[in-house]
Amino acid sequence: MARPDLRRNDEMRKVKITPNYTLYAEGSVLIEMGNTKVICTASVEGKVPPFLEGQGLGWVTAEYAMLPRATHTRKKRDIKSLKLDGRSSEIQRLIGRALRSVVDRAALGERQITVDCDVIQADGGTRCASITGGFVALWLACKKLLDEGKIEKMPLTSQVAAVSVGIYEDEAILDLNYAEDSHAIVDCNVVMTGAGDFVEIQGTGEGRPFTKDELNRLLSLGKKGTAKLCREQKKITGEL
């Protein structure tokens, strides 16, 4: 089997993370995974949601959106329907969960960091790119708080990154682009920490059920992919 872009089955697309991509946010990056490009910005607020007030704990949340022509055909803005579409809502909850999994909320103190992930070009794997880039934006914001003496220690306990894997033409492949994702028999997203622990696994048999052996192969590919993404993150963050 030949993949559409002729990569090996276990080969990632080219990854590039550009830090401090925007001027005003406490942390920002542009992450590029092949032709998928996402701007991730982390904004710090000196307050927490009402359900956390007075507990001494911080909060990290995320929002996700896609520009109208990030895709092959124009996607209407959510404001047109006066509500967030179901896909965007599900993705931003995933991003928030993934980032919070590596946050020491007591060390963050009573403040909230919102990570906005805006897709400017989509070619598969936008939620995975958002988590991977969102972590670096979050680290930059926390580093700024630490440098300014507003927190006593870095509140991030590990890295977190995500990658897509799937069964395409009956073979397990890593980091699916749109052409592969849209025809995948099995579609899966793997979120892992820098220590190699799983945070979340989303897997669906789109064309048929899949076996335990196939799942194990997908998880092995996911581990390889997230390890590479963590190495890319470390070029900016260094060792936590």
Protein backbone atom coordinates (compact mmCIF):
# COMPACT_ATOMS: atom_id res chain seq x y z
CA MET A 1 0.00 0.00 0.00
CA ALA A 2 1.22 3.50 -0.85
CA ARG A 3 0.01 6.40 1.27
CA PRO A 4 -1.28 9.43 -0.66
CA ASP A 5 1.83 11.46 0.26
CA LEU A 6 4.17 8.43 0.02
CA ARG A 7 5.12 8.41 3.71
CA ARG A 8 5.99 5.16 5.48
CA ASN A 9 3.18 3.77 7.61
CA ASP A 10 5.02 4.82 10.79
CA GLU A 11 6.19 8.19 9.47
CA MET A 12 4.94 11.52 10.82
CA ARG A 13 4.33 14.60 8.73
CA LYS A 14 6.86 17.40 9.16
CA VAL A 15 6.27 19.17 12.49
CA LYS A 16 7.19 22.78 13.23
CA ILE A 17 6.33 24.78 16.35
CA THR A 18 6.96 28.53 16.25
CA PRO A 19 6.82 30.15 19.73
CA ASN A 20 5.65 33.69 20.54
CA TYR A 21 3.69 33.82 17.32
CA THR A 22 1.32 36.57 18.44
CA LEU A 23 2.11 39.77 20.32
CA TYR A 24 -0.29 40.08 23.24
CA ALA A 25 -1.04 36.62 24.67
CA GLU A 26 1.03 35.40 27.63
CA GLY A 27 1.86 32.32 25.57
CA SER A 28 1.41 31.66 21.87
CA VAL A 29 2.60 29.31 19.13
CA LEU A 30 1.92 28.41 15.53
CA ILE A 31 2.01 24.65 15.16
CA GLU A 32 2.31 23.07 11.71
CA MET A 33 1.80 19.36 11.15
CA GLY A 34 2.12 18.89 7.43
CA ASN A 35 -0.49 21.19 5.90
CA THR A 36 -2.46 21.50 9.14
CA LYS A 37 -1.76 24.83 10.85
CA VAL A 38 -3.15 25.97 14.22
CA ILE A 39 -2.52 29.15 16.20
CA CYS A 40 -2.60 28.39 19.94
CA THR A 41 -2.72 31.25 22.46
CA ALA A 42 -2.76 31.03 26.25
CA SER A 43 -4.38 33.91 28.18
CA VAL A 44 -4.07 34.35 31.95
CA GLU A 45 -6.89 35.76 34.08
CA GLY A 46 -6.62 36.57 37.79
CA LYS A 47 -9.81 34.74 38.66
CA VAL A 48 -11.34 31.28 38.48
CA PRO A 49 -14.84 30.04 37.63
CA PRO A 50 -17.36 30.47 40.47
CA PHE A 51 -17.31 26.76 41.40
CA LEU A 52 -13.60 27.07 42.32
CA GLU A 53 -13.60 30.36 44.20
CA GLY A 54 -11.86 30.26 47.58
CA GLN A 55 -10.31 26.82 47.09
CA GLY A 56 -6.81 27.97 46.14
CA LEU A 57 -6.91 26.00 42.91
CA GLY A 58 -6.36 27.22 39.37
CA TRP A 59 -8.14 26.15 36.19
CA VAL A 60 -7.12 25.52 32.60
CA THR A 61 -9.72 25.47 29.86
CA ALA A 62 -9.69 25.57 26.06
CA GLU A 63 -11.65 26.90 23.13
CA TYR A 64 -11.42 25.62 19.56
CA ALA A 65 -12.50 27.18 16.29
CA MET A 66 -11.83 26.83 12.60
CA LEU A 67 -11.59 29.69 10.14
CA PRO A 68 -14.23 29.51 7.39
CA ARG A 69 -11.74 28.64 4.63
CA ALA A 70 -9.46 26.44 6.70
CA THR A 71 -11.12 23.60 4.77
CA HIS A 72 -11.75 22.78 1.11
CA THR A 73 -15.16 24.43 1.18
CA ARG A 74 -16.26 27.37 3.32
CA LYS A 75 -17.53 26.50 6.80
CA LYS A 76 -20.03 28.91 8.30
CA ARG A 77 -18.94 30.69 11.46
CA ASP A 78 -20.61 29.43 14.63
CA ILE A 79 -21.96 32.93 15.30
CA LYS A 80 -24.31 32.44 12.35
CA SER A 81 -26.23 29.81 14.32
CA LEU A 82 -25.68 31.56 17.67
CA LYS A 83 -24.16 28.39 19.16
CA LEU A 84 -20.99 26.32 18.99
CA ASP A 85 -21.33 23.34 16.69
CA GLY A 86 -21.18 19.88 18.25
CA ARG A 87 -17.81 18.95 16.75
CA SER A 88 -16.05 22.10 18.01
CA SER A 89 -17.61 21.69 21.45
CA GLU A 90 -16.41 18.08 21.72
CA ILE A 91 -12.91 18.99 20.54
CA GLN A 92 -12.42 21.88 22.94
CA ARG A 93 -13.50 19.71 25.86
CA LEU A 94 -10.88 17.15 24.79
CA ILE A 95 -8.17 19.82 24.61
CA GLY A 96 -9.08 21.15 28.05
CA ARG A 97 -9.03 17.66 29.63
CA ALA A 98 -5.68 16.85 28.03
CA LEU A 99 -4.01 20.04 29.25
CA ARG A 100 -5.45 19.82 32.78
CA SER A 101 -4.07 16.28 33.12
CA VAL A 102 -0.55 17.72 33.52
CA VAL A 103 -1.39 20.81 35.62
CA ASP A 104 -0.72 21.13 39.35
CA ARG A 105 -3.72 23.34 40.00
CA ALA A 106 -2.60 24.24 43.53
CA ALA A 107 0.73 25.49 42.19
CA LEU A 108 -1.12 27.57 39.59
CA GLY A 109 -3.10 29.34 42.32
CA GLU A 110 -6.49 30.99 41.88
CA ARG A 111 -6.17 32.02 38.26
CA GLN A 112 -7.49 30.66 34.99
CA ILE A 113 -5.57 30.07 31.78
CA THR A 114 -7.63 29.80 28.60
CA VAL A 115 -5.95 28.16 25.62
CA ASP A 116 -7.53 29.24 22.33
CA CYS A 117 -6.85 26.95 19.37
CA ASP A 118 -7.70 28.53 16.02
CA VAL A 119 -7.29 26.36 12.94
CA ILE A 120 -6.15 28.45 9.98
CA GLN A 121 -5.61 25.47 7.66
CA ALA A 122 -6.95 21.94 8.11
CA ASP A 123 -5.52 18.77 6.59
CA GLY A 124 -6.35 16.21 9.27
CA GLY A 125 -5.35 15.97 12.92
CA THR A 126 -6.46 19.46 13.99
CA ARG A 127 -7.43 18.37 17.52
CA CYS A 128 -4.10 16.59 17.98
CA ALA A 129 -2.16 19.62 16.73
CA SER A 130 -4.21 21.80 19.08
CA ILE A 131 -3.28 19.71 22.12
CA THR A 132 0.38 19.53 21.15
CA GLY A 133 0.70 23.23 20.36
CA GLY A 134 -1.65 24.21 23.17
CA PHE A 135 0.69 22.63 25.69
CA VAL A 136 3.61 24.76 24.52
CA ALA A 137 1.47 27.91 24.64
CA LEU A 138 0.42 26.93 28.17
CA TRP A 139 4.06 26.36 29.17
CA LEU A 140 5.04 29.79 27.85
CA ALA A 141 2.25 31.43 29.87
CA CYS A 142 3.27 29.55 33.03
CA LYS A 143 6.92 30.44 32.45
CA LYS A 144 5.94 34.12 32.26
CA LEU A 145 4.05 33.83 35.57
CA LEU A 146 7.08 32.15 37.13
CA ASP A 147 9.55 34.72 35.79
CA GLU A 148 7.35 37.54 37.13
CA GLY A 149 7.24 35.93 40.59
CA LYS A 150 3.48 35.40 40.49
CA ILE A 151 3.85 31.66 41.14
CA GLU A 152 6.53 29.83 43.10
CA LYS A 153 7.09 26.84 40.84
CA MET A 154 6.23 25.61 37.38
CA PRO A 155 2.71 24.12 37.68
CA LEU A 156 3.17 21.70 34.77
CA THR A 157 4.03 18.19 35.88
CA SER A 158 4.75 16.65 32.48
CA GLN A 159 4.38 17.25 28.77
CA VAL A 160 1.26 16.23 26.90
CA ALA A 161 0.92 15.63 23.16
CA ALA A 162 -1.53 13.92 20.81
CA VAL A 163 -1.40 12.20 17.45
CA SER A 164 -3.85 10.46 15.13
CA VAL A 165 -3.52 6.83 14.10
CA GLY A 166 -5.80 4.66 12.04
CA ILE A 167 -6.43 1.67 9.81
CA TYR A 168 -6.23 2.75 6.18
CA GLU A 169 -6.64 0.13 3.46
CA ASP A 170 -6.28 -2.52 6.20
CA GLU A 171 -2.91 -1.22 7.42
CA ALA A 172 -2.11 0.67 10.62
CA ILE A 173 -0.73 4.15 9.90
CA LEU A 174 0.49 7.13 11.90
CA ASP A 175 -0.55 10.80 11.66
CA LEU A 176 -3.37 10.73 9.12
CA ASN A 177 -3.86 13.60 6.68
CA TYR A 178 -7.32 14.48 5.39
CA ALA A 179 -7.19 12.13 2.40
CA GLU A 180 -6.43 9.21 4.74
CA ASP A 181 -8.72 10.29 7.57
CA SER A 182 -11.74 10.66 5.29
CA HIS A 183 -11.33 7.06 4.06
CA ALA A 184 -10.00 5.40 7.22
CA ILE A 185 -11.53 2.10 8.28
CA VAL A 186 -10.60 2.87 11.90
CA ASP A 187 -9.98 6.37 13.23
CA CYS A 188 -8.17 6.91 16.53
CA ASN A 189 -6.60 9.78 18.50
CA VAL A 190 -4.00 9.05 21.18
CA VAL A 191 -3.14 11.56 23.92
CA MET A 192 -0.05 10.80 26.04
CA THR A 193 2.23 12.46 28.55
CA GLY A 194 5.96 12.95 28.15
CA ALA A 195 6.42 10.05 30.58
CA GLY A 196 4.61 7.73 28.16
CA ASP A 197 1.35 7.46 30.10
CA PHE A 198 -2.02 7.56 28.38
CA VAL A 199 -4.33 10.52 28.98
CA GLU A 200 -7.09 9.68 26.51
CA ILE A 201 -7.74 7.26 23.65
CA GLN A 202 -10.51 7.94 21.15
CA GLY A 203 -11.06 5.10 18.70
CA THR A 204 -13.91 4.31 16.34
CA GLY A 205 -14.48 1.59 13.78
CA GLU A 206 -15.71 3.70 10.87
CA GLY A 207 -15.78 0.95 8.25
CA ARG A 208 -15.73 -2.18 10.40
CA PRO A 209 -14.97 -3.32 13.95
CA PHE A 210 -11.29 -3.68 14.80
CA THR A 211 -9.39 -6.33 16.71
CA LYS A 212 -7.34 -6.15 19.90
CA ASP A 213 -4.21 -6.82 17.84
CA GLU A 214 -5.02 -3.88 15.57
CA LEU A 215 -5.64 -1.68 18.62
CA ASN A 216 -2.26 -2.66 20.06
CA ARG A 217 -0.57 -1.74 16.78
CA LEU A 218 -2.35 1.61 16.76
CA LEU A 219 -1.31 2.34 20.35
CA SER A 220 2.30 1.48 19.54
CA LEU A 221 2.21 3.92 16.64
CA GLY A 222 0.58 6.50 18.90
CA LYS A 223 3.34 6.12 21.46
CA LYS A 224 5.99 6.58 18.77
CA GLY A 225 4.24 9.65 17.40
CA THR A 226 3.66 11.39 20.72
CA ALA A 227 7.28 10.74 21.72
CA LYS A 228 8.42 12.57 18.59
CA LEU A 229 6.04 15.44 19.30
CA CYS A 230 7.37 15.71 22.86
CA ARG A 231 10.89 16.02 21.43
CA GLU A 232 9.67 18.89 19.26
CA GLN A 233 8.08 20.55 22.31
CA LYS A 234 11.34 20.23 24.25
CA LYS A 235 13.10 22.37 21.67
CA ILE A 236 11.12 25.23 23.22
CA THR A 237 10.32 24.10 26.76
CA GLY A 238 13.45 22.13 27.61
CA GLU A 239 13.11 19.45 30.28
CA LEU A 240 10.28 20.09 32.71
